Protein backbone atom coordinates (compact mmCIF):
# COMPACT_ATOMS: atom_id res chain seq x y z
CA MET A 1 -29.38 -20.52 99.35
CA LEU A 2 -32.65 -22.06 98.22
CA SER A 3 -35.36 -20.44 96.16
CA LYS A 4 -38.67 -19.72 97.86
CA ASP A 5 -40.37 -22.35 95.70
CA ILE A 6 -37.93 -25.08 96.78
CA ASN A 7 -38.12 -24.00 100.42
CA ASP A 8 -41.91 -24.27 100.25
CA LEU A 9 -41.61 -27.65 98.53
CA ILE A 10 -39.53 -29.25 101.29
CA THR A 11 -41.25 -27.66 104.29
CA GLN A 12 -44.98 -27.78 103.54
CA THR A 13 -46.67 -31.04 104.52
CA GLY A 14 -50.39 -30.35 104.42
CA SER A 15 -52.84 -32.51 102.53
CA GLY A 16 -52.25 -32.23 98.79
CA THR A 17 -48.70 -30.86 99.00
CA PRO A 18 -45.89 -32.90 97.38
CA CYS A 19 -43.94 -33.29 100.62
CA GLY A 20 -47.15 -34.00 102.53
CA LYS A 21 -47.96 -36.79 100.12
CA LEU A 22 -44.48 -38.22 100.70
CA MET A 23 -44.76 -38.02 104.49
CA ARG A 24 -48.08 -39.86 104.37
CA GLN A 25 -46.39 -42.92 102.85
CA TYR A 26 -44.59 -43.55 106.15
CA TRP A 27 -45.79 -44.44 109.64
CA GLN A 28 -45.96 -41.24 111.70
CA PRO A 29 -45.95 -40.92 115.50
CA ALA A 30 -49.39 -39.64 116.50
CA ALA A 31 -49.43 -39.79 120.32
CA LEU A 32 -47.78 -41.32 123.35
CA SER A 33 -49.41 -44.36 124.89
CA ASP A 34 -49.28 -42.44 128.18
CA GLU A 35 -51.77 -39.95 126.77
CA LEU A 36 -54.39 -42.70 126.63
CA GLU A 37 -54.00 -43.67 130.27
CA GLY A 38 -56.88 -42.97 132.60
CA PRO A 39 -60.62 -43.61 132.62
CA ARG A 40 -61.32 -41.81 129.31
CA PRO A 41 -58.73 -42.70 126.65
CA VAL A 42 -59.67 -40.05 124.08
CA VAL A 43 -57.16 -37.40 122.94
CA PRO A 44 -56.98 -34.78 120.18
CA VAL A 45 -54.29 -35.25 117.55
CA ARG A 46 -53.15 -32.70 115.01
CA LEU A 47 -50.87 -34.39 112.50
CA LEU A 48 -49.63 -33.14 109.12
CA GLY A 49 -52.14 -30.31 109.35
CA GLU A 50 -55.14 -32.61 109.92
CA ASP A 51 -57.33 -32.48 113.04
CA LEU A 52 -58.06 -35.98 114.35
CA VAL A 53 -59.17 -37.77 117.50
CA LEU A 54 -57.44 -40.87 118.86
CA PHE A 55 -59.30 -43.22 121.19
CA ARG A 56 -59.47 -46.71 122.66
CA ASP A 57 -62.86 -48.27 122.24
CA ASN A 58 -64.64 -50.42 124.82
CA ASP A 59 -62.64 -53.48 123.73
CA GLY A 60 -59.31 -51.64 124.05
CA GLU A 61 -58.85 -51.30 120.28
CA LEU A 62 -57.41 -48.07 118.89
CA GLY A 63 -59.19 -45.77 116.46
CA LEU A 64 -58.02 -42.57 114.76
CA ILE A 65 -60.75 -40.62 112.99
CA GLY A 66 -61.58 -37.06 111.92
CA ARG A 67 -62.00 -34.72 114.87
CA HIS A 68 -65.04 -32.83 113.59
CA CYS A 69 -68.40 -34.52 113.15
CA PRO A 70 -69.43 -34.52 109.46
CA HIS A 71 -72.89 -33.32 110.50
CA ARG A 72 -72.23 -29.77 111.73
CA GLY A 73 -68.60 -29.86 112.81
CA ALA A 74 -68.87 -30.52 116.54
CA ASP A 75 -65.68 -31.69 118.27
CA LEU A 76 -65.61 -35.50 118.61
CA CYS A 77 -62.93 -35.23 121.28
CA HIS A 78 -65.91 -34.69 123.56
CA GLY A 79 -67.75 -37.61 122.02
CA ARG A 80 -69.35 -40.27 124.19
CA ARG A 81 -67.28 -43.46 124.19
CA GLU A 82 -70.00 -45.98 123.36
CA ASP A 83 -70.45 -49.21 121.44
CA ASN A 84 -66.81 -49.49 120.34
CA GLY A 85 -66.77 -45.99 118.86
CA LEU A 86 -67.55 -42.34 119.54
CA ARG A 87 -70.99 -40.75 119.63
CA CYS A 88 -71.33 -37.03 118.95
CA PRO A 89 -73.15 -35.33 121.88
CA PHE A 90 -74.70 -32.75 119.51
CA HIS A 91 -77.18 -35.04 117.70
CA GLY A 92 -76.07 -38.54 118.68
CA TRP A 93 -74.41 -39.52 115.41
CA HIS A 94 -72.26 -42.56 116.16
CA PHE A 95 -68.95 -43.43 114.43
CA ASP A 96 -66.95 -46.64 114.61
CA ARG A 97 -63.15 -47.01 114.42
CA SER A 98 -63.24 -46.97 110.62
CA GLY A 99 -64.90 -43.55 110.65
CA GLN A 100 -68.18 -44.99 109.41
CA CYS A 101 -71.35 -43.47 110.77
CA VAL A 102 -73.38 -46.40 112.06
CA GLU A 103 -76.35 -44.59 113.60
CA GLN A 104 -78.26 -41.29 113.36
CA PRO A 105 -80.79 -41.60 116.18
CA GLY A 106 -82.49 -38.29 115.40
CA GLU A 107 -83.31 -39.24 111.80
CA PRO A 108 -86.60 -40.88 110.73
CA GLU A 109 -87.03 -44.56 111.54
CA GLY A 110 -85.58 -46.72 108.77
CA SER A 111 -83.32 -43.98 107.35
CA THR A 112 -80.19 -45.32 105.69
CA MET A 113 -78.49 -41.94 105.34
CA HIS A 114 -75.82 -42.99 107.85
CA GLU A 115 -74.49 -45.52 105.35
CA GLN A 116 -73.34 -42.62 103.15
CA ILE A 117 -71.59 -40.74 105.97
CA LYS A 118 -67.96 -41.45 106.76
CA THR A 119 -65.25 -39.32 108.31
CA ALA A 120 -61.49 -39.67 107.84
CA SER A 121 -59.87 -42.67 109.52
CA TYR A 122 -56.35 -44.01 109.55
CA PRO A 123 -54.68 -47.28 110.63
CA VAL A 124 -52.80 -47.08 113.93
CA VAL A 125 -50.24 -49.37 115.58
CA GLU A 126 -48.79 -49.14 119.10
CA LYS A 127 -45.03 -49.66 119.44
CA ASN A 128 -43.19 -49.44 122.78
CA GLY A 129 -45.00 -46.38 124.10
CA ILE A 130 -45.88 -44.56 120.86
CA VAL A 131 -49.00 -44.85 118.72
CA PHE A 132 -48.09 -44.61 115.02
CA ALA A 133 -50.53 -43.69 112.26
CA PHE A 134 -50.44 -44.32 108.51
CA MET A 135 -52.14 -41.56 106.54
CA GLY A 136 -51.11 -42.52 103.01
CA GLU A 137 -52.62 -44.33 100.09
CA GLY A 138 -52.75 -48.10 99.80
CA ALA A 139 -51.56 -50.62 102.34
CA PRO A 140 -49.15 -49.29 104.99
CA PRO A 141 -45.58 -50.61 104.91
CA PRO A 142 -44.47 -52.99 107.67
CA PHE A 143 -42.30 -51.55 110.40
CA PRO A 144 -38.53 -51.91 109.92
CA GLU A 145 -36.71 -53.88 112.60
CA LEU A 146 -35.22 -50.84 114.29
CA ASP A 147 -33.78 -51.44 117.75
CA CYS A 148 -36.44 -49.24 119.33
CA PHE A 149 -39.15 -51.51 117.90
CA VAL A 150 -37.38 -54.85 118.45
CA ALA A 151 -36.40 -54.22 122.08
CA PRO A 152 -38.86 -55.34 124.77
CA ASP A 153 -41.10 -52.68 126.25
CA THR A 154 -39.12 -52.84 129.50
CA HIS A 155 -36.03 -51.51 127.70
CA VAL A 156 -37.66 -48.53 125.91
CA PHE A 157 -38.87 -45.20 127.28
CA ALA A 158 -40.90 -42.88 125.03
CA PHE A 159 -41.57 -39.18 125.41
CA LYS A 160 -42.36 -36.14 123.25
CA GLY A 161 -42.04 -32.37 123.23
CA LEU A 162 -43.57 -29.49 121.31
CA TRP A 163 -41.41 -27.13 119.26
CA GLU A 164 -42.72 -23.98 117.61
CA CYS A 165 -41.06 -24.39 114.25
CA ASN A 166 -41.26 -26.28 110.99
CA TRP A 167 -40.38 -29.98 111.10
CA LEU A 168 -37.39 -29.63 108.73
CA GLN A 169 -35.36 -27.19 110.78
CA ALA A 170 -36.10 -29.35 113.83
CA MET A 171 -34.83 -32.48 112.11
CA GLU A 172 -31.77 -30.84 110.59
CA VAL A 173 -30.22 -29.99 113.95
CA GLY A 174 -29.97 -33.75 114.56
CA ILE A 175 -27.90 -34.36 111.41
CA ASP A 176 -25.41 -31.59 112.14
CA PRO A 177 -22.34 -33.18 113.80
CA VAL A 178 -20.58 -29.84 114.38
CA HIS A 179 -23.22 -28.10 116.46
CA ALA A 180 -22.52 -30.20 119.56
CA SER A 181 -19.08 -28.61 119.92
CA PHE A 182 -20.71 -25.21 120.33
CA LEU A 183 -24.44 -25.33 121.10
CA HIS A 184 -23.97 -28.07 123.72
CA ARG A 185 -20.60 -26.85 124.98
CA PHE A 186 -20.19 -27.12 128.74
CA LEU A 187 -17.46 -24.96 130.21
CA GLN A 188 -17.08 -27.29 133.20
CA ASP A 189 -16.12 -30.92 132.74
CA GLU A 190 -17.63 -32.55 135.82
CA ASP A 191 -20.93 -34.37 135.44
CA PRO A 192 -23.34 -32.12 137.39
CA ALA A 193 -26.50 -34.20 136.86
CA ASP A 194 -27.73 -37.51 135.55
CA SER A 195 -30.17 -35.94 133.12
CA TYR A 196 -31.11 -35.68 129.47
CA GLY A 197 -27.85 -33.99 128.46
CA LYS A 198 -25.62 -36.58 130.09
CA GLN A 199 -24.29 -37.85 126.77
CA PHE A 200 -22.39 -34.59 126.38
CA ARG A 201 -21.01 -34.68 129.94
CA ASP A 202 -20.10 -38.38 130.06
CA THR A 203 -16.59 -39.76 129.65
CA ALA A 204 -15.77 -40.35 126.00
CA ALA A 205 -15.62 -44.06 125.13
CA ASN A 206 -12.29 -45.74 125.97
CA THR A 207 -10.66 -42.51 127.12
CA GLU A 208 -10.33 -40.58 130.35
CA MET A 209 -11.30 -37.37 128.55
CA PRO A 210 -14.78 -36.06 129.41
CA MET A 211 -16.98 -35.72 126.35
CA THR A 212 -17.39 -32.03 127.17
CA GLN A 213 -13.66 -31.53 126.82
CA LEU A 214 -13.43 -33.60 123.65
CA LEU A 215 -16.19 -31.64 121.92
CA ARG A 216 -14.80 -28.34 123.15
CA GLU A 217 -11.20 -28.97 122.10
CA TYR A 218 -11.94 -30.67 118.77
CA PRO A 219 -14.66 -28.56 117.12
CA ARG A 220 -13.75 -29.35 113.48
CA PRO A 221 -14.66 -32.97 112.80
CA ASP A 222 -14.18 -34.65 109.47
CA ILE A 223 -17.66 -35.72 108.37
CA GLU A 224 -18.43 -38.80 106.29
CA VAL A 225 -21.93 -39.10 104.82
CA GLU A 226 -23.07 -42.46 103.44
CA GLU A 227 -26.38 -43.06 101.72
CA THR A 228 -28.02 -46.22 103.07
CA ASP A 229 -31.20 -48.16 102.46
CA TYR A 230 -32.85 -46.39 105.42
CA GLY A 231 -31.52 -42.86 104.84
CA LEU A 232 -28.07 -41.56 105.75
CA ARG A 233 -25.24 -42.73 107.99
CA LEU A 234 -23.19 -39.88 109.43
CA ILE A 235 -19.70 -40.45 110.80
CA ALA A 236 -17.98 -37.59 112.62
CA LEU A 237 -14.23 -38.04 113.14
CA ARG A 238 -12.43 -35.95 115.72
CA HIS A 239 -8.69 -36.63 115.44
CA LEU A 240 -7.09 -36.46 118.88
CA ASP A 241 -3.55 -35.24 119.55
CA ASP A 242 -2.41 -38.71 120.71
CA GLY A 243 -2.84 -40.39 117.31
CA ARG A 244 -6.33 -41.72 117.97
CA THR A 245 -9.71 -40.72 116.56
CA HIS A 246 -13.04 -40.26 118.25
CA VAL A 247 -15.70 -41.80 116.01
CA ARG A 248 -19.33 -40.82 116.46
CA VAL A 249 -21.87 -42.64 114.28
CA THR A 250 -25.37 -41.22 113.96
CA ASN A 251 -28.14 -41.75 111.44
CA GLN A 252 -30.92 -40.07 109.52
CA ILE A 253 -33.83 -42.50 109.16
CA PHE A 254 -35.98 -41.28 106.29
CA PRO A 255 -38.07 -39.24 106.24
CA GLU A 256 -37.83 -37.38 109.56
CA ALA A 257 -36.13 -39.49 112.23
CA ILE A 258 -32.61 -39.63 113.62
CA CYS A 259 -30.84 -42.29 115.68
CA ILE A 260 -28.00 -41.14 117.95
CA PRO A 261 -26.04 -42.56 120.90
CA MET A 262 -27.01 -41.21 124.30
CA SER A 263 -24.39 -43.29 126.12
CA ASN A 264 -22.47 -46.52 125.62
CA ASP A 265 -25.59 -48.45 126.63
CA MET A 266 -28.44 -46.37 125.21
CA THR A 267 -29.55 -44.89 121.90
CA ILE A 268 -32.19 -42.30 121.09
CA THR A 269 -34.42 -42.66 118.05
CA GLN A 270 -36.22 -39.38 117.50
CA TRP A 271 -38.89 -38.35 114.99
CA HIS A 272 -39.66 -34.72 114.10
CA VAL A 273 -43.32 -34.85 113.25
CA PRO A 274 -45.24 -31.98 111.61
CA VAL A 275 -48.22 -30.83 113.61
CA ASP A 276 -48.62 -28.28 110.84
CA ASP A 277 -46.08 -26.23 108.91
CA GLU A 278 -45.20 -24.00 111.87
CA THR A 279 -45.11 -26.45 114.79
CA CYS A 280 -43.86 -29.98 115.33
CA TYR A 281 -43.45 -32.62 117.98
CA TRP A 282 -40.26 -34.51 118.60
CA TYR A 283 -40.96 -38.09 119.68
CA SER A 284 -38.07 -39.95 121.29
CA MET A 285 -37.60 -43.63 122.06
CA PHE A 286 -34.72 -44.24 124.49
CA THR A 287 -33.53 -47.81 123.93
CA SER A 288 -31.36 -49.59 126.50
CA PHE A 289 -28.82 -52.27 125.58
CA ALA A 290 -28.18 -52.90 129.28
CA GLY A 291 -30.91 -53.43 131.87
CA PRO A 292 -34.54 -52.29 131.85
CA VAL A 293 -35.06 -48.53 131.92
CA ASN A 294 -36.48 -46.71 134.91
CA LYS A 295 -39.51 -45.26 133.15
CA GLN A 296 -40.86 -43.48 136.20
CA LEU A 297 -37.59 -41.65 136.81
CA MET A 298 -37.11 -40.75 133.15
CA ARG A 299 -40.67 -39.48 132.87
CA GLU A 300 -40.25 -37.37 136.00
CA GLN A 301 -37.05 -35.88 134.56
CA ARG A 302 -38.82 -34.91 131.34
CA LEU A 303 -41.99 -33.66 133.04
CA ALA A 304 -39.83 -31.34 135.14
CA GLU A 305 -39.12 -29.53 131.86
CA HIS A 306 -42.57 -29.81 130.19
CA ARG A 307 -46.20 -29.06 130.91
CA LEU A 308 -49.22 -31.26 130.27
CA PRO A 309 -51.37 -31.93 128.34
CA ASP A 310 -49.58 -30.50 125.27
CA TYR A 311 -46.00 -31.42 126.33
CA ALA A 312 -44.83 -27.86 125.65
CA PRO A 313 -41.45 -26.99 127.20
CA LEU A 314 -41.46 -24.73 130.25
CA LYS A 315 -38.50 -22.83 128.84
CA ASN A 316 -39.50 -21.17 125.60
CA LYS A 317 -39.32 -17.96 123.59
CA ARG A 318 -41.81 -16.25 125.93
CA ASN A 319 -39.39 -16.49 128.85
CA ASN A 320 -36.22 -16.17 126.77
CA TYR A 321 -35.44 -19.90 127.19
CA GLY A 322 -34.27 -19.20 130.75
CA PHE A 323 -31.25 -17.31 129.45
CA ASN A 324 -28.79 -16.33 132.18
CA PRO A 325 -25.80 -14.19 131.12
CA ALA A 326 -23.79 -15.20 134.19
CA GLU A 327 -24.25 -18.86 133.31
CA GLN A 328 -23.24 -18.17 129.71
CA GLU A 329 -20.05 -16.57 130.99
CA ALA A 330 -19.02 -19.42 133.27
CA GLU A 331 -20.97 -22.65 132.70
CA THR A 332 -22.61 -23.21 129.32
CA TYR A 333 -22.17 -21.81 125.83
CA THR A 334 -25.84 -20.86 125.57
CA GLY A 335 -26.58 -19.72 129.12
CA MET A 336 -29.81 -21.69 128.90
CA GLY A 337 -29.27 -24.41 131.48
CA LEU A 338 -28.02 -27.98 131.38
CA ASP A 339 -30.85 -29.54 129.36
CA ILE A 340 -29.51 -29.87 125.81
CA ASN A 341 -33.07 -30.15 124.54
CA VAL A 342 -33.55 -26.48 125.40
CA HIS A 343 -30.38 -25.62 123.46
CA ASP A 344 -31.75 -27.41 120.38
CA GLN A 345 -35.15 -25.81 120.87
CA TRP A 346 -33.66 -22.31 120.83
CA ALA A 347 -31.54 -23.13 117.76
CA VAL A 348 -34.52 -24.33 115.71
CA GLU A 349 -37.16 -21.88 116.96
CA SER A 350 -35.10 -18.68 116.84
CA PRO A 351 -34.95 -18.58 112.99
CA GLY A 352 -38.75 -18.25 112.99
CA PRO A 353 -41.52 -20.78 112.41
CA VAL A 354 -40.33 -21.47 108.86
CA PHE A 355 -36.79 -20.34 108.16
CA ASP A 356 -36.40 -18.30 105.00
CA ARG A 357 -33.70 -20.36 103.29
CA THR A 358 -33.27 -17.76 100.57
CA ASN A 359 -31.06 -16.07 103.18
CA GLU A 360 -29.15 -19.23 104.12
CA HIS A 361 -25.44 -19.85 103.50
CA LEU A 362 -24.50 -23.50 103.95
CA ALA A 363 -20.85 -24.38 104.60
CA THR A 364 -18.59 -27.42 104.27
CA SER A 365 -19.70 -28.73 107.67
CA ASP A 366 -23.31 -28.84 106.42
CA LYS A 367 -22.65 -31.72 104.03
CA ALA A 368 -25.15 -34.01 105.77
CA ILE A 369 -27.89 -31.38 105.49
CA ILE A 370 -27.10 -30.93 101.80
CA ALA A 371 -27.18 -34.69 101.22
CA TYR A 372 -30.48 -35.03 103.07
CA ARG A 373 -32.22 -32.26 101.14
CA ARG A 374 -31.15 -33.87 97.87
CA MET A 375 -32.58 -37.18 99.05
CA LEU A 376 -35.79 -35.47 100.17
CA ARG A 377 -36.28 -33.77 96.81
CA ARG A 378 -35.63 -37.03 94.94
CA ALA A 379 -38.19 -38.78 97.13
CA ILE A 380 -40.78 -36.03 96.57
CA ASP A 381 -40.30 -36.50 92.84
CA ALA A 382 -40.44 -40.29 93.19
CA VAL A 383 -43.72 -40.36 95.11
CA GLY A 384 -45.31 -38.27 92.41
CA GLU A 385 -44.02 -40.61 89.72
CA GLY A 386 -44.60 -43.88 91.59
CA GLY A 387 -40.85 -44.48 91.94
CA HIS A 388 -38.54 -45.77 94.68
CA LEU A 389 -38.88 -44.28 98.15
CA PRO A 390 -36.11 -44.59 100.77
CA GLY A 391 -36.92 -47.47 103.08
CA ILE A 392 -39.96 -48.60 101.07
CA PRO A 393 -38.85 -50.37 97.88
CA ASN A 394 -41.75 -51.81 95.90
CA GLY A 395 -44.17 -50.96 98.67
CA GLU A 396 -42.41 -53.13 101.28
CA ALA A 397 -40.26 -51.83 104.11
CA LEU A 398 -36.63 -52.86 104.09
CA ASN A 399 -35.37 -55.31 106.69
CA THR A 400 -33.52 -52.45 108.34
CA LYS A 401 -31.93 -53.42 111.65
CA GLY A 402 -30.18 -51.18 114.12
CA PRO A 403 -28.99 -48.83 112.83
CA VAL A 404 -25.63 -48.48 114.54
CA ALA A 405 -25.36 -45.38 116.73
CA VAL A 406 -22.19 -45.34 118.84
CA ASP A 407 -19.23 -43.38 120.15
CA ALA A 408 -15.85 -45.12 119.90
CA ILE A 409 -12.13 -44.35 120.10
CA ALA A 410 -9.90 -45.84 117.40
CA PRO A 411 -6.35 -45.59 116.07
CA ASP A 412 -6.31 -43.07 113.23
CA ALA A 413 -5.54 -45.75 110.68
CA ASP A 414 -8.23 -48.21 111.81
CA TRP A 415 -11.32 -46.22 112.66
CA GLN A 416 -13.47 -47.90 109.98
CA ALA A 417 -13.66 -51.23 111.83
CA VAL A 418 -13.81 -50.00 115.40
CA TRP A 419 -17.32 -48.54 115.40
CA ARG A 420 -18.78 -51.76 114.02
CA ASP A 421 -16.84 -53.81 116.59
CA ARG A 422 -18.07 -51.51 119.36
CA ASP A 423 -21.66 -52.09 118.30
CA ALA A 424 -21.12 -55.86 117.99
CA ASP A 425 -19.69 -56.01 121.53
CA ARG A 426 -22.68 -54.09 122.87
CA ARG A 427 -25.13 -56.45 121.16
CA ASP A 428 -23.25 -59.56 122.31
CA GLY A 429 -23.85 -58.49 125.89
CA CYS A 430 -27.53 -57.73 125.38
CA SER A 431 -30.18 -60.45 125.58
CA TRP A 432 -32.68 -58.88 123.21
CA ALA A 433 -30.10 -57.51 120.73
CA SER A 434 -27.77 -60.52 120.56
CA ALA A 435 -29.68 -61.98 117.61
CA THR A 436 -29.78 -58.71 115.68
CA ALA A 437 -27.06 -57.06 113.66
CA GLY A 438 -27.04 -53.34 113.09
CA ASN A 439 -26.85 -51.90 109.60
């Protein structure tokens, strides 16, 4: 159990909060590049409780500024895209990418009042389909050399989805190695579709056993948690009856991302980004170590489950997540369809927008969650004291590569080496990854 004060400390990310100050020291996903397609590349962004507007100016440069005009609060999402900035339609006040007001056409000739008017603005960088923003103090840290950033654009597909819950409970499902044996349990072992949940219906690496069967029959993994320079490495060991061990390596990339294997040739790096304290977006980058990804197909698969423009899931608490008791009896553990994203969504939304952790009872299998919360609290203290932050020592990002996210089968006595060898073999066969070594 946590006290209410500690629960508030680690869940609240608004401006001025300790955790919000920490989050602002890291690059945060703000929008998909796809959202800026079309003749008018201007979109609203709500990030860490702040209302902003993201746009491409006439030269194609990105700007992220306060959404409401400092004059009388009109919405700049409806601003006229002029002169490499946005002009408020209410009184014509014009703002450049830095948030500086550069013209007030309704004011007396020669007025210099505009020089004193500036709205919020934040640096933005586009990486393989996602626009990232830095909302903190000082110079932003450079990007680490994660696979999803190093890979060419042709090998990365990016998407996002809206969840109606606090960012922390969304992130914590991704660092829980046990939940897959239950929440994502499929009662049939054939692969019914080549879709988002395929990693839990694929054949386990180097074995004829379907992953569904492996997770179902071995629900009590040994869990190793290692603190790394980027966050946490999680190793789940499922000891098979034939003297071998299934090794699954996943990662927590501080502060709110995970990196997990989707298949032998693809990883998912996923951020859980606070919109505010009661809603969040997950942003995923699917990175291929084989050939280029089919972005059109993958986007169609995801859009079949989401609506635009807010990327909210079609299955949600208002329609009971598509729950079907007959399916729960015969096909899936949840009865909520084959898309594992819906399973996760139910698990993180059903406790309420912000789970009351004064009623929580963590168990042995929650060791990664316990380790992460300790790291988070240390980092919150450190940012207030000007100390070390995970992944940003002395204001510079670590040269973090990878990290390794794989499934592998190993002899019980030799599992430590096998997952690294599996990753090395995958990189050796990949043109863009051959020169990189995972951490």
